[in-house]
């Protein structure tokens, strides 16, 4: 008797499988797609979608001329990306939950440039900032301020090396 039930179950699974597979494929296709969407506030997204949110590779064009290009997850940049604002410069690097986190490069319209670690949008960890006037700081950062050991090199070649706290030099 158990063999008969087992054979009937196997036959039903085999008979239903193609139909079930087509249904699952249709459901997945509904939730995963590529395309263009213009938001009511004027933002325009071109790329991959999943469950009505940017997911995968895509570009978000902002009404003020800014652009966010990269890897999206659940509607936010996550992974590698590029963020460009006409009046604020450009960030190229890692994102987590929509903000710069990890290693990146931030360039400013005036020529300033930071290369290093970011945490929640802030310079944080090891990094190098080069000022437009030629000054360069190489060292530790916390909340976008010199914090820890570092060296400033001035355009004339002189250096100031030592410990910094909250952006202020505290000595060797």
C-alpha atoms as a PDB file:
ATOM      1  CA  UNK A   1       0.000   0.000   0.000  1.00  0.00           C
ATOM      2  CA  UNK A   2       2.800   2.435   0.865  1.00  0.00           C
ATOM      3  CA  UNK A   3       4.377   1.795  -2.544  1.00  0.00           C
ATOM      4  CA  UNK A   4       1.168   2.767  -4.324  1.00  0.00           C
ATOM      5  CA  UNK A   5       0.939   6.047  -2.367  1.00  0.00           C
ATOM      6  CA  UNK A   6       4.607   6.789  -3.064  1.00  0.00           C
ATOM      7  CA  UNK A   7       4.173   6.145  -6.812  1.00  0.00           C
ATOM      8  CA  UNK A   8       1.054   8.361  -6.937  1.00  0.00           C
ATOM      9  CA  UNK A   9       2.904  11.198  -5.140  1.00  0.00           C
ATOM     10  CA  UNK A  10       5.884  10.915  -7.502  1.00  0.00           C
ATOM     11  CA  UNK A  11       3.592  10.958 -10.563  1.00  0.00           C
ATOM     12  CA  UNK A  12       1.761  14.037  -9.252  1.00  0.00           C
ATOM     13  CA  UNK A  13       5.036  15.883  -8.595  1.00  0.00           C
ATOM     14  CA  UNK A  14       6.322  15.041 -12.089  1.00  0.00           C
ATOM     15  CA  UNK A  15       3.025  16.107 -13.695  1.00  0.00           C
ATOM     16  CA  UNK A  16       2.796  19.390 -11.772  1.00  0.00           C
ATOM     17  CA  UNK A  17       6.499  20.339 -11.998  1.00  0.00           C
ATOM     18  CA  UNK A  18       6.441  22.026 -15.452  1.00  0.00           C
ATOM     19  CA  UNK A  19       3.372  24.056 -14.519  1.00  0.00           C
ATOM     20  CA  UNK A  20       4.867  24.989 -11.142  1.00  0.00           C
ATOM     21  CA  UNK A  21       8.180  25.920 -12.788  1.00  0.00           C
ATOM     22  CA  UNK A  22       6.408  28.220 -15.296  1.00  0.00           C
ATOM     23  CA  UNK A  23       4.446  29.852 -12.476  1.00  0.00           C
ATOM     24  CA  UNK A  24       7.571  30.474 -10.375  1.00  0.00           C
ATOM     25  CA  UNK A  25       9.403  31.875 -13.403  1.00  0.00           C
ATOM     26  CA  UNK A  26       6.523  34.283 -14.071  1.00  0.00           C
ATOM     27  CA  UNK A  27       6.473  35.411 -10.422  1.00  0.00           C
ATOM     28  CA  UNK A  28      10.243  35.989 -10.382  1.00  0.00           C
ATOM     29  CA  UNK A  29      10.060  37.910 -13.670  1.00  0.00           C
ATOM     30  CA  UNK A  30       7.402  40.169 -12.148  1.00  0.00           C
ATOM     31  CA  UNK A  31       9.706  41.117  -9.278  1.00  0.00           C
ATOM     32  CA  UNK A  32      13.011  41.310 -11.193  1.00  0.00           C
ATOM     33  CA  UNK A  33      13.361  43.576 -14.178  1.00  0.00           C
ATOM     34  CA  UNK A  34      15.416  46.228 -15.946  1.00  0.00           C
ATOM     35  CA  UNK A  35      14.113  49.573 -17.022  1.00  0.00           C
ATOM     36  CA  UNK A  36      13.691  53.291 -16.521  1.00  0.00           C
ATOM     37  CA  UNK A  37      11.604  54.892 -13.803  1.00  0.00           C
ATOM     38  CA  UNK A  38      11.034  58.588 -13.129  1.00  0.00           C
ATOM     39  CA  UNK A  39      10.108  59.373  -9.531  1.00  0.00           C
ATOM     40  CA  UNK A  40       7.514  62.078  -8.731  1.00  0.00           C
ATOM     41  CA  UNK A  41      10.284  64.321  -7.294  1.00  0.00           C
ATOM     42  CA  UNK A  42      12.144  64.319 -10.632  1.00  0.00           C
ATOM     43  CA  UNK A  43      14.782  61.665  -9.929  1.00  0.00           C
ATOM     44  CA  UNK A  44      15.288  59.185 -12.761  1.00  0.00           C
ATOM     45  CA  UNK A  45      16.596  55.630 -12.290  1.00  0.00           C
ATOM     46  CA  UNK A  46      17.914  53.485 -15.130  1.00  0.00           C
ATOM     47  CA  UNK A  47      18.915  49.944 -14.291  1.00  0.00           C
ATOM     48  CA  UNK A  48      17.930  46.738 -12.575  1.00  0.00           C
ATOM     49  CA  UNK A  49      14.953  46.450 -10.216  1.00  0.00           C
ATOM     50  CA  UNK A  50      13.699  43.940  -7.708  1.00  0.00           C
ATOM     51  CA  UNK A  51      10.472  44.256  -5.718  1.00  0.00           C
ATOM     52  CA  UNK A  52       9.962  47.824  -7.000  1.00  0.00           C
ATOM     53  CA  UNK A  53      13.337  49.017  -5.651  1.00  0.00           C
ATOM     54  CA  UNK A  54      16.649  49.629  -7.429  1.00  0.00           C
ATOM     55  CA  UNK A  55      18.596  46.389  -7.081  1.00  0.00           C
ATOM     56  CA  UNK A  56      21.652  45.474  -9.157  1.00  0.00           C
ATOM     57  CA  UNK A  57      23.541  47.822 -11.462  1.00  0.00           C
ATOM     58  CA  UNK A  58      21.968  51.193 -12.093  1.00  0.00           C
ATOM     59  CA  UNK A  59      22.177  54.962 -12.438  1.00  0.00           C
ATOM     60  CA  UNK A  60      20.129  57.496 -10.511  1.00  0.00           C
ATOM     61  CA  UNK A  61      20.033  60.982 -12.044  1.00  0.00           C
ATOM     62  CA  UNK A  62      19.044  63.742  -9.609  1.00  0.00           C
ATOM     63  CA  UNK A  63      17.135  66.926 -10.540  1.00  0.00           C
ATOM     64  CA  UNK A  64      20.070  69.138  -9.432  1.00  0.00           C
ATOM     65  CA  UNK A  65      22.432  67.404 -11.887  1.00  0.00           C
ATOM     66  CA  UNK A  66      23.895  64.910  -9.430  1.00  0.00           C
ATOM     67  CA  UNK A  67      24.356  61.261 -10.385  1.00  0.00           C
ATOM     68  CA  UNK A  68      24.675  58.020  -8.421  1.00  0.00           C
ATOM     69  CA  UNK A  69      26.038  55.099 -10.422  1.00  0.00           C
ATOM     70  CA  UNK A  70      26.814  51.669  -9.060  1.00  0.00           C
ATOM     71  CA  UNK A  71      25.613  48.589  -7.266  1.00  0.00           C
ATOM     72  CA  UNK A  72      22.206  48.936  -5.620  1.00  0.00           C
ATOM     73  CA  UNK A  73      20.561  46.787  -2.978  1.00  0.00           C
ATOM     74  CA  UNK A  74      17.057  47.388  -1.632  1.00  0.00           C
ATOM     75  CA  UNK A  75      16.965  50.919  -3.068  1.00  0.00           C
ATOM     76  CA  UNK A  76      20.359  52.123  -1.781  1.00  0.00           C
ATOM     77  CA  UNK A  77      23.912  52.115  -3.097  1.00  0.00           C
ATOM     78  CA  UNK A  78      25.723  49.119  -1.611  1.00  0.00           C
ATOM     79  CA  UNK A  79      29.078  48.002  -2.970  1.00  0.00           C
ATOM     80  CA  UNK A  80      31.092  49.971  -5.522  1.00  0.00           C
ATOM     81  CA  UNK A  81      29.734  53.243  -6.829  1.00  0.00           C
ATOM     82  CA  UNK A  82      30.271  56.783  -8.054  1.00  0.00           C
ATOM     83  CA  UNK A  83      28.489  59.815  -6.621  1.00  0.00           C
ATOM     84  CA  UNK A  84      28.812  63.095  -8.520  1.00  0.00           C
ATOM     85  CA  UNK A  85      27.422  66.524  -7.637  1.00  0.00           C
ATOM     86  CA  UNK A  86      28.172  69.493  -9.926  1.00  0.00           C
ATOM     87  CA  UNK A  87      28.947  71.888  -7.060  1.00  0.00           C
ATOM     88  CA  UNK A  88      30.284  69.418  -4.462  1.00  0.00           C
ATOM     89  CA  UNK A  89      32.655  67.157  -6.351  1.00  0.00           C
ATOM     90  CA  UNK A  90      32.863  63.434  -6.863  1.00  0.00           C
ATOM     91  CA  UNK A  91      33.185  60.304  -4.722  1.00  0.00           C
ATOM     92  CA  UNK A  92      34.377  56.993  -6.156  1.00  0.00           C
ATOM     93  CA  UNK A  93      34.472  53.988  -3.872  1.00  0.00           C
ATOM     94  CA  UNK A  94      32.584  51.738  -1.523  1.00  0.00           C
ATOM     95  CA  UNK A  95      29.061  52.373  -0.253  1.00  0.00           C
ATOM     96  CA  UNK A  96      27.046  50.822   2.539  1.00  0.00           C
ATOM     97  CA  UNK A  97      23.380  51.677   3.095  1.00  0.00           C
ATOM     98  CA  UNK A  98      23.575  54.526   0.592  1.00  0.00           C
ATOM     99  CA  UNK A  99      26.550  56.401   2.075  1.00  0.00           C
ATOM    100  CA  UNK A 100      30.333  56.260   1.556  1.00  0.00           C
ATOM    101  CA  UNK A 101      31.776  53.526   3.773  1.00  0.00           C
ATOM    102  CA  UNK A 102      35.095  51.781   3.177  1.00  0.00           C
ATOM    103  CA  UNK A 103      37.858  52.827   0.805  1.00  0.00           C
ATOM    104  CA  UNK A 104      37.197  55.728  -1.553  1.00  0.00           C
ATOM    105  CA  UNK A 105      38.408  58.849  -3.330  1.00  0.00           C
ATOM    106  CA  UNK A 106      36.700  62.217  -2.865  1.00  0.00           C
ATOM    107  CA  UNK A 107      37.617  65.061  -5.216  1.00  0.00           C
ATOM    108  CA  UNK A 108      36.420  68.642  -4.803  1.00  0.00           C
ATOM    109  CA  UNK A 109      35.718  71.280  -7.469  1.00  0.00           C
ATOM    110  CA  UNK A 110      38.578  73.457  -6.106  1.00  0.00           C
ATOM    111  CA  UNK A 111      41.116  70.645  -6.692  1.00  0.00           C
ATOM    112  CA  UNK A 112      41.244  69.222  -3.168  1.00  0.00           C
ATOM    113  CA  UNK A 113      41.422  65.437  -2.971  1.00  0.00           C
ATOM    114  CA  UNK A 114      41.060  62.803  -0.246  1.00  0.00           C
ATOM    115  CA  UNK A 115      42.124  59.187  -0.744  1.00  0.00           C
ATOM    116  CA  UNK A 116      41.437  56.787   2.097  1.00  0.00           C
ATOM    117  CA  UNK A 117      38.898  55.269   4.417  1.00  0.00           C
ATOM    118  CA  UNK A 118      35.354  56.526   5.008  1.00  0.00           C
ATOM    119  CA  UNK A 119      32.844  55.785   7.736  1.00  0.00           C
ATOM    120  CA  UNK A 120      29.285  57.090   7.378  1.00  0.00           C
ATOM    121  CA  UNK A 121      30.337  59.743   4.843  1.00  0.00           C
ATOM    122  CA  UNK A 122      33.200  61.014   7.034  1.00  0.00           C
ATOM    123  CA  UNK A 123      36.968  60.657   6.529  1.00  0.00           C
ATOM    124  CA  UNK A 124      37.739  57.970   9.090  1.00  0.00           C
ATOM    125  CA  UNK A 125      40.799  55.737   9.435  1.00  0.00           C
ATOM    126  CA  UNK A 126      43.916  56.088   7.269  1.00  0.00           C
ATOM    127  CA  UNK A 127      43.848  58.695   4.538  1.00  0.00           C
ATOM    128  CA  UNK A 128      45.618  61.406   2.569  1.00  0.00           C
ATOM    129  CA  UNK A 129      44.191  64.846   1.861  1.00  0.00           C
ATOM    130  CA  UNK A 130      45.870  67.088  -0.700  1.00  0.00           C
ATOM    131  CA  UNK A 131      44.844  70.762  -0.567  1.00  0.00           C
ATOM    132  CA  UNK A 132      44.659  72.880  -3.724  1.00  0.00           C
ATOM    133  CA  UNK A 133      47.501  75.061  -2.332  1.00  0.00           C
ATOM    134  CA  UNK A 134      49.823  72.022  -2.185  1.00  0.00           C
ATOM    135  CA  UNK A 135      49.604  71.131   1.510  1.00  0.00           C
ATOM    136  CA  UNK A 136      49.223  67.426   2.155  1.00  0.00           C
ATOM    137  CA  UNK A 137      48.139  65.553   5.281  1.00  0.00           C
ATOM    138  CA  UNK A 138      48.900  61.832   5.517  1.00  0.00           C
ATOM    139  CA  UNK A 139      47.667  60.004   8.574  1.00  0.00           C
ATOM    140  CA  UNK A 140      44.756  59.070  10.757  1.00  0.00           C
ATOM    141  CA  UNK A 141      41.293  60.624  10.599  1.00  0.00           C
ATOM    142  CA  UNK A 142      38.188  60.593  12.751  1.00  0.00           C
ATOM    143  CA  UNK A 143      34.917  62.299  11.802  1.00  0.00           C
ATOM    144  CA  UNK A 144      36.676  64.134   8.928  1.00  0.00           C
ATOM    145  CA  UNK A 145      39.314  65.676  11.236  1.00  0.00           C
ATOM    146  CA  UNK A 146      42.991  64.866  11.798  1.00  0.00           C
ATOM    147  CA  UNK A 147      42.944  62.464  14.728  1.00  0.00           C
ATOM    148  CA  UNK A 148      45.860  60.211  15.624  1.00  0.00           C
ATOM    149  CA  UNK A 149      49.322  60.206  14.086  1.00  0.00           C
ATOM    150  CA  UNK A 150      49.959  62.085  10.887  1.00  0.00           C
ATOM    151  CA  UNK A 151      52.189  64.384   8.895  1.00  0.00           C
ATOM    152  CA  UNK A 152      51.441  67.655   7.134  1.00  0.00           C
ATOM    153  CA  UNK A 153      53.814  68.511   4.326  1.00  0.00           C
ATOM    154  CA  UNK A 154      53.754  72.165   3.248  1.00  0.00           C
ATOM    155  CA  UNK A 155      54.409  73.469  -0.289  1.00  0.00           C
ATOM    156  CA  UNK A 156      57.899  74.670   0.763  1.00  0.00           C
ATOM    157  CA  UNK A 157      58.804  71.098   1.840  1.00  0.00           C
ATOM    158  CA  UNK A 158      58.638  71.667   5.598  1.00  0.00           C
ATOM    159  CA  UNK A 159      56.760  69.115   7.693  1.00  0.00           C
ATOM    160  CA  UNK A 160      54.761  68.941  10.884  1.00  0.00           C
ATOM    161  CA  UNK A 161      54.625  65.425  12.251  1.00  0.00           C
ATOM    162  CA  UNK A 162      53.012  64.064  15.389  1.00  0.00           C
ATOM    163  CA  UNK A 163      49.754  63.429  17.136  1.00  0.00           C
ATOM    164  CA  UNK A 164      46.483  65.191  16.376  1.00  0.00           C
ATOM    165  CA  UNK A 165      43.243  65.305  18.349  1.00  0.00           C
ATOM    166  CA  UNK A 166      39.967  66.619  16.917  1.00  0.00           C
ATOM    167  CA  UNK A 167      41.849  68.435  14.160  1.00  0.00           C
ATOM    168  CA  UNK A 168      44.379  70.121  16.469  1.00  0.00           C
ATOM    169  CA  UNK A 169      48.081  69.351  16.775  1.00  0.00           C
ATOM    170  CA  UNK A 170      48.927  68.080  20.280  1.00  0.00           C
ATOM    171  CA  UNK A 171      52.613  67.233  19.841  1.00  0.00           C
ATOM    172  CA  UNK A 172      55.023  64.433  19.122  1.00  0.00           C
END
